[in-house]
Amino acid sequence: MATQTIEQFFTGKTLEIPAYQRDYAWTTSNIDDLFEDIEEAMELGGGHYLGTFILSQAGKMAPMRVVDGQQRLTTLTMLLDALVDAVDELPIKEHYRSTYITHPVYGPKFTVLGSNKSFFSALLNDEMPEPDSDGQQRLLVAYQWIRQRISAIKEHQGQQAIKNWLLSISHL
C-alpha cells in the first residue's frame, strides 16, 4: 500500500488493538524520541516516516485490527488527544477530535481491547483511572508525560505552537 499521512491513515477507519497483543510497553524515553522526530520534521518543514502499520479486517464493515505498530499508534493517539485538549478554539478542537479521537456517530476512532479498554478510554476522557496492571501503569505514566510536554509547549510557545504541532502530525 502507498505511503499515507497520519490524517489519511485515520480517515474513514475505526482502529482497535486486539486483546491478544502485548501490553503497552513504551517508556518516557520512547515518547521523547517520538517528540524529537516530530520536532525535526517541523524544523525541516517536511514529513517524517513513522514506520509501517499493519492492519487486518475481518469484514468490510468491521474495525481495522492493528497487527503491528500498536505502540506507536497508541502513543500517537494519546499525543493527539493531549494536543486537541490544549487547543482553545472550539471549531479546530472539534475538527481534530473527530478526525483522530472520536467519530461523532461511530464513537472512538481507536480502541484498546481486552483488560485495558476501559482504562485507556478513561485516560482519554481525563478521568485518570487507577492502574490494575503494569501495562496500565505504563499507559498512565506515558499519558501524564505527554500531557506535561504539551503543557510546556503551550506555556512557552503559545496556542499557535499547539496548532502547528497538530498540523505537522497530520502531515507525517
C-alpha atoms as a PDB file:
ATOM      1  CA  MET A   1       0.000   0.000   0.000  1.00  0.00           C
ATOM      2  CA  ALA A   2       1.132   3.550  -0.670  1.00  0.00           C
ATOM      3  CA  THR A   3       2.535   5.830   1.983  1.00  0.00           C
ATOM      4  CA  GLN A   4      -0.163   7.872   3.709  1.00  0.00           C
ATOM      5  CA  THR A   5      -0.174  10.833   6.029  1.00  0.00           C
ATOM      6  CA  ILE A   6      -1.478  10.297   9.558  1.00  0.00           C
ATOM      7  CA  GLU A   7      -4.632  12.192   8.594  1.00  0.00           C
ATOM      8  CA  GLN A   8      -5.217   9.927   5.579  1.00  0.00           C
ATOM      9  CA  PHE A   9      -4.478   6.880   7.717  1.00  0.00           C
ATOM     10  CA  PHE A  10      -7.126   7.769  10.314  1.00  0.00           C
ATOM     11  CA  THR A  11      -9.774   8.912   7.815  1.00  0.00           C
ATOM     12  CA  GLY A  12     -12.672   6.504   7.431  1.00  0.00           C
ATOM     13  CA  LYS A  13     -11.274   3.932   9.848  1.00  0.00           C
ATOM     14  CA  THR A  14     -12.070   2.571  13.250  1.00  0.00           C
ATOM     15  CA  LEU A  15      -8.901   1.060  14.680  1.00  0.00           C
ATOM     16  CA  GLU A  16      -8.512  -1.391  17.533  1.00  0.00           C
ATOM     17  CA  ILE A  17      -5.708  -3.177  19.297  1.00  0.00           C
ATOM     18  CA  PRO A  18      -6.713  -6.843  19.659  1.00  0.00           C
ATOM     19  CA  ALA A  19      -6.710  -8.253  23.192  1.00  0.00           C
ATOM     20  CA  TYR A  20      -4.015 -10.784  22.222  1.00  0.00           C
ATOM     21  CA  GLN A  21      -1.462  -8.015  21.576  1.00  0.00           C
ATOM     22  CA  ARG A  22       1.143  -7.346  24.241  1.00  0.00           C
ATOM     23  CA  ASP A  23       0.577  -4.642  26.839  1.00  0.00           C
ATOM     24  CA  TYR A  24       1.704  -1.099  26.268  1.00  0.00           C
ATOM     25  CA  ALA A  25       5.470  -1.038  26.744  1.00  0.00           C
ATOM     26  CA  TRP A  26       6.758   2.411  25.785  1.00  0.00           C
ATOM     27  CA  THR A  27       8.682   4.465  28.316  1.00  0.00           C
ATOM     28  CA  THR A  28       9.168   8.221  28.516  1.00  0.00           C
ATOM     29  CA  SER A  29      12.402   7.740  26.543  1.00  0.00           C
ATOM     30  CA  ASN A  30      10.449   6.254  23.602  1.00  0.00           C
ATOM     31  CA  ILE A  31       7.980   9.134  23.825  1.00  0.00           C
ATOM     32  CA  ASP A  32      10.804  11.682  23.880  1.00  0.00           C
ATOM     33  CA  ASP A  33      12.185  10.070  20.698  1.00  0.00           C
ATOM     34  CA  LEU A  34       8.786  10.490  19.021  1.00  0.00           C
ATOM     35  CA  PHE A  35       8.636  14.142  20.117  1.00  0.00           C
ATOM     36  CA  GLU A  36      12.141  14.697  18.691  1.00  0.00           C
ATOM     37  CA  ASP A  37      11.136  13.094  15.382  1.00  0.00           C
ATOM     38  CA  ILE A  38       8.107  15.388  15.142  1.00  0.00           C
ATOM     39  CA  GLU A  39      10.146  18.461  16.097  1.00  0.00           C
ATOM     40  CA  GLU A  40      12.737  17.586  13.452  1.00  0.00           C
ATOM     41  CA  ALA A  41      10.029  17.202  10.813  1.00  0.00           C
ATOM     42  CA  MET A  42       8.593  20.579  11.835  1.00  0.00           C
ATOM     43  CA  GLU A  43      12.008  22.270  11.605  1.00  0.00           C
ATOM     44  CA  LEU A  44      12.649  20.792   8.164  1.00  0.00           C
ATOM     45  CA  GLY A  45       9.146  21.703   7.019  1.00  0.00           C
ATOM     46  CA  GLY A  46       8.519  18.225   5.729  1.00  0.00           C
ATOM     47  CA  GLY A  47       7.068  14.912   6.621  1.00  0.00           C
ATOM     48  CA  HIS A  48       8.643  12.165   8.615  1.00  0.00           C
ATOM     49  CA  TYR A  49       8.308   8.431   8.093  1.00  0.00           C
ATOM     50  CA  LEU A  50       6.727   6.964  11.245  1.00  0.00           C
ATOM     51  CA  GLY A  51       7.104   3.364  10.189  1.00  0.00           C
ATOM     52  CA  THR A  52       4.664   0.767   8.981  1.00  0.00           C
ATOM     53  CA  PHE A  53       1.302  -0.046  10.476  1.00  0.00           C
ATOM     54  CA  ILE A  54      -0.033  -3.483   9.572  1.00  0.00           C
ATOM     55  CA  LEU A  55      -3.808  -3.836   9.781  1.00  0.00           C
ATOM     56  CA  SER A  56      -6.270  -6.669   9.266  1.00  0.00           C
ATOM     57  CA  GLN A  57     -10.021  -6.574   8.814  1.00  0.00           C
ATOM     58  CA  ALA A  58     -12.479  -9.437   9.339  1.00  0.00           C
ATOM     59  CA  GLY A  59     -15.148  -7.931   7.092  1.00  0.00           C
ATOM     60  CA  LYS A  60     -15.909  -4.842   5.056  1.00  0.00           C
ATOM     61  CA  MET A  61     -17.687  -3.057   7.931  1.00  0.00           C
ATOM     62  CA  ALA A  62     -15.517  -4.450  10.742  1.00  0.00           C
ATOM     63  CA  PRO A  63     -12.946  -2.322  12.581  1.00  0.00           C
ATOM     64  CA  MET A  64      -9.341  -2.477  11.434  1.00  0.00           C
ATOM     65  CA  ARG A  65      -7.238  -4.512  13.833  1.00  0.00           C
ATOM     66  CA  VAL A  66      -3.692  -3.294  14.414  1.00  0.00           C
ATOM     67  CA  VAL A  67      -1.358  -6.229  13.856  1.00  0.00           C
ATOM     68  CA  ASP A  68       1.871  -4.229  14.004  1.00  0.00           C
ATOM     69  CA  GLY A  69       2.607  -0.687  15.143  1.00  0.00           C
ATOM     70  CA  GLN A  70       0.377  -0.681  18.213  1.00  0.00           C
ATOM     71  CA  GLN A  71       2.913   1.033  20.498  1.00  0.00           C
ATOM     72  CA  ARG A  72       3.385   3.971  18.094  1.00  0.00           C
ATOM     73  CA  LEU A  73      -0.322   4.201  17.320  1.00  0.00           C
ATOM     74  CA  THR A  74      -1.323   4.135  20.994  1.00  0.00           C
ATOM     75  CA  THR A  75       1.240   6.830  21.770  1.00  0.00           C
ATOM     76  CA  LEU A  76       0.196   8.944  18.779  1.00  0.00           C
ATOM     77  CA  THR A  77      -3.430   8.714  19.885  1.00  0.00           C
ATOM     78  CA  MET A  78      -2.537   9.911  23.392  1.00  0.00           C
ATOM     79  CA  LEU A  79      -0.391  12.694  21.906  1.00  0.00           C
ATOM     80  CA  LEU A  80      -3.150  13.821  19.542  1.00  0.00           C
ATOM     81  CA  ASP A  81      -5.687  13.727  22.378  1.00  0.00           C
ATOM     82  CA  ALA A  82      -3.460  15.923  24.565  1.00  0.00           C
ATOM     83  CA  LEU A  83      -2.877  18.368  21.702  1.00  0.00           C
ATOM     84  CA  VAL A  84      -6.592  18.570  20.895  1.00  0.00           C
ATOM     85  CA  ASP A  85      -7.354  19.238  24.571  1.00  0.00           C
ATOM     86  CA  ALA A  86      -4.801  22.064  24.526  1.00  0.00           C
ATOM     87  CA  VAL A  87      -6.483  23.871  21.615  1.00  0.00           C
ATOM     88  CA  ASP A  88      -8.596  26.835  22.707  1.00  0.00           C
ATOM     89  CA  GLU A  89     -10.631  27.353  19.522  1.00  0.00           C
ATOM     90  CA  LEU A  90     -13.705  25.114  19.531  1.00  0.00           C
ATOM     91  CA  PRO A  91     -14.022  24.589  15.735  1.00  0.00           C
ATOM     92  CA  ILE A  92     -10.372  23.482  15.496  1.00  0.00           C
ATOM     93  CA  LYS A  93     -10.746  21.284  18.572  1.00  0.00           C
ATOM     94  CA  GLU A  94     -13.884  19.626  17.116  1.00  0.00           C
ATOM     95  CA  HIS A  95     -12.224  19.056  13.728  1.00  0.00           C
ATOM     96  CA  TYR A  96      -9.187  17.295  15.155  1.00  0.00           C
ATOM     97  CA  ARG A  97     -11.187  15.401  17.793  1.00  0.00           C
ATOM     98  CA  SER A  98     -13.497  13.963  15.108  1.00  0.00           C
ATOM     99  CA  THR A  99     -10.533  13.186  12.833  1.00  0.00           C
ATOM    100  CA  TYR A 100      -8.383  11.356  15.402  1.00  0.00           C
ATOM    101  CA  ILE A 101     -10.191  10.635  18.658  1.00  0.00           C
ATOM    102  CA  THR A 102     -13.969  10.193  18.428  1.00  0.00           C
ATOM    103  CA  HIS A 103     -16.203   9.960  15.378  1.00  0.00           C
ATOM    104  CA  PRO A 104     -19.398  11.927  16.086  1.00  0.00           C
ATOM    105  CA  VAL A 105     -21.588   8.946  15.064  1.00  0.00           C
ATOM    106  CA  TYR A 106     -19.494   5.797  15.479  1.00  0.00           C
ATOM    107  CA  GLY A 107     -17.608   6.642  18.681  1.00  0.00           C
ATOM    108  CA  PRO A 108     -13.910   6.055  19.441  1.00  0.00           C
ATOM    109  CA  LYS A 109     -11.626   6.015  16.393  1.00  0.00           C
ATOM    110  CA  PHE A 110      -9.035   3.968  18.315  1.00  0.00           C
ATOM    111  CA  THR A 111      -9.740   1.341  20.954  1.00  0.00           C
ATOM    112  CA  VAL A 112      -7.522  -0.883  23.051  1.00  0.00           C
ATOM    113  CA  LEU A 113      -9.394  -4.143  23.539  1.00  0.00           C
ATOM    114  CA  GLY A 114      -9.183  -6.517  26.475  1.00  0.00           C
ATOM    115  CA  SER A 115      -8.495  -5.532  30.055  1.00  0.00           C
ATOM    116  CA  ASN A 116      -7.059  -2.140  29.032  1.00  0.00           C
ATOM    117  CA  LYS A 117     -10.134  -0.994  27.075  1.00  0.00           C
ATOM    118  CA  SER A 118     -11.948   0.895  29.823  1.00  0.00           C
ATOM    119  CA  PHE A 119      -8.662   2.145  31.311  1.00  0.00           C
ATOM    120  CA  PHE A 120      -7.499   3.659  28.007  1.00  0.00           C
ATOM    121  CA  SER A 121     -10.919   5.170  27.382  1.00  0.00           C
ATOM    122  CA  ALA A 122     -10.895   6.728  30.866  1.00  0.00           C
ATOM    123  CA  LEU A 123      -7.425   8.194  30.199  1.00  0.00           C
ATOM    124  CA  LEU A 124      -8.636   9.898  27.032  1.00  0.00           C
ATOM    125  CA  ASN A 125     -11.625  11.234  28.981  1.00  0.00           C
ATOM    126  CA  ASP A 126      -9.237  12.793  31.541  1.00  0.00           C
ATOM    127  CA  GLU A 127     -10.557  10.587  34.350  1.00  0.00           C
ATOM    128  CA  MET A 128      -7.054   9.451  35.440  1.00  0.00           C
ATOM    129  CA  PRO A 129      -8.066   5.917  36.434  1.00  0.00           C
ATOM    130  CA  GLU A 130      -6.175   3.786  38.934  1.00  0.00           C
ATOM    131  CA  PRO A 131      -3.982   1.216  37.105  1.00  0.00           C
ATOM    132  CA  ASP A 132      -4.523  -2.504  37.760  1.00  0.00           C
ATOM    133  CA  SER A 133      -1.521  -3.830  35.824  1.00  0.00           C
ATOM    134  CA  ASP A 134       1.993  -2.930  34.731  1.00  0.00           C
ATOM    135  CA  GLY A 135       0.708  -2.155  31.224  1.00  0.00           C
ATOM    136  CA  GLN A 136      -1.902   0.217  32.611  1.00  0.00           C
ATOM    137  CA  GLN A 137       0.732   1.854  34.798  1.00  0.00           C
ATOM    138  CA  ARG A 138       2.898   2.436  31.714  1.00  0.00           C
ATOM    139  CA  LEU A 139      -0.124   3.890  29.858  1.00  0.00           C
ATOM    140  CA  LEU A 140      -0.782   6.263  32.752  1.00  0.00           C
ATOM    141  CA  VAL A 141       2.853   7.360  33.022  1.00  0.00           C
ATOM    142  CA  ALA A 142       3.049   7.853  29.249  1.00  0.00           C
ATOM    143  CA  TYR A 143      -0.153   9.882  29.130  1.00  0.00           C
ATOM    144  CA  GLN A 144       0.917  12.077  32.038  1.00  0.00           C
ATOM    145  CA  TRP A 145       4.340  12.610  30.428  1.00  0.00           C
ATOM    146  CA  ILE A 146       2.741  13.554  27.100  1.00  0.00           C
ATOM    147  CA  ARG A 147       0.363  15.971  28.825  1.00  0.00           C
ATOM    148  CA  GLN A 148       3.262  17.543  30.714  1.00  0.00           C
ATOM    149  CA  ARG A 149       5.244  18.023  27.494  1.00  0.00           C
ATOM    150  CA  ILE A 150       2.222  19.514  25.671  1.00  0.00           C
ATOM    151  CA  SER A 151       1.515  21.829  28.615  1.00  0.00           C
ATOM    152  CA  ALA A 152       5.111  23.090  28.467  1.00  0.00           C
ATOM    153  CA  ILE A 153       4.824  23.738  24.722  1.00  0.00           C
ATOM    154  CA  LYS A 154       1.603  25.681  25.234  1.00  0.00           C
ATOM    155  CA  GLU A 155       3.033  27.654  28.164  1.00  0.00           C
ATOM    156  CA  HIS A 156       6.328  28.576  26.489  1.00  0.00           C
ATOM    157  CA  GLN A 157       5.342  28.809  22.820  1.00  0.00           C
ATOM    158  CA  GLY A 158       1.638  29.561  22.901  1.00  0.00           C
ATOM    159  CA  GLN A 159      -1.523  28.442  21.205  1.00  0.00           C
ATOM    160  CA  GLN A 160      -0.114  28.738  17.682  1.00  0.00           C
ATOM    161  CA  ALA A 161       2.559  26.164  18.520  1.00  0.00           C
ATOM    162  CA  ILE A 162      -0.128  23.667  19.562  1.00  0.00           C
ATOM    163  CA  LYS A 163      -1.941  24.190  16.248  1.00  0.00           C
ATOM    164  CA  ASN A 164       1.378  23.828  14.379  1.00  0.00           C
ATOM    165  CA  TRP A 165       2.013  20.518  16.140  1.00  0.00           C
ATOM    166  CA  LEU A 166      -1.428  19.226  15.156  1.00  0.00           C
ATOM    167  CA  LEU A 167      -0.973  20.291  11.574  1.00  0.00           C
ATOM    168  CA  SER A 168       2.534  18.831  11.395  1.00  0.00           C
ATOM    169  CA  ILE A 169       1.476  15.481  12.834  1.00  0.00           C
ATOM    170  CA  SER A 170      -1.401  15.365  10.355  1.00  0.00           C
ATOM    171  CA  HIS A 171       1.146  15.536   7.531  1.00  0.00           C
ATOM    172  CA  LEU A 172       3.597  12.954   8.896  1.00  0.00           C
END
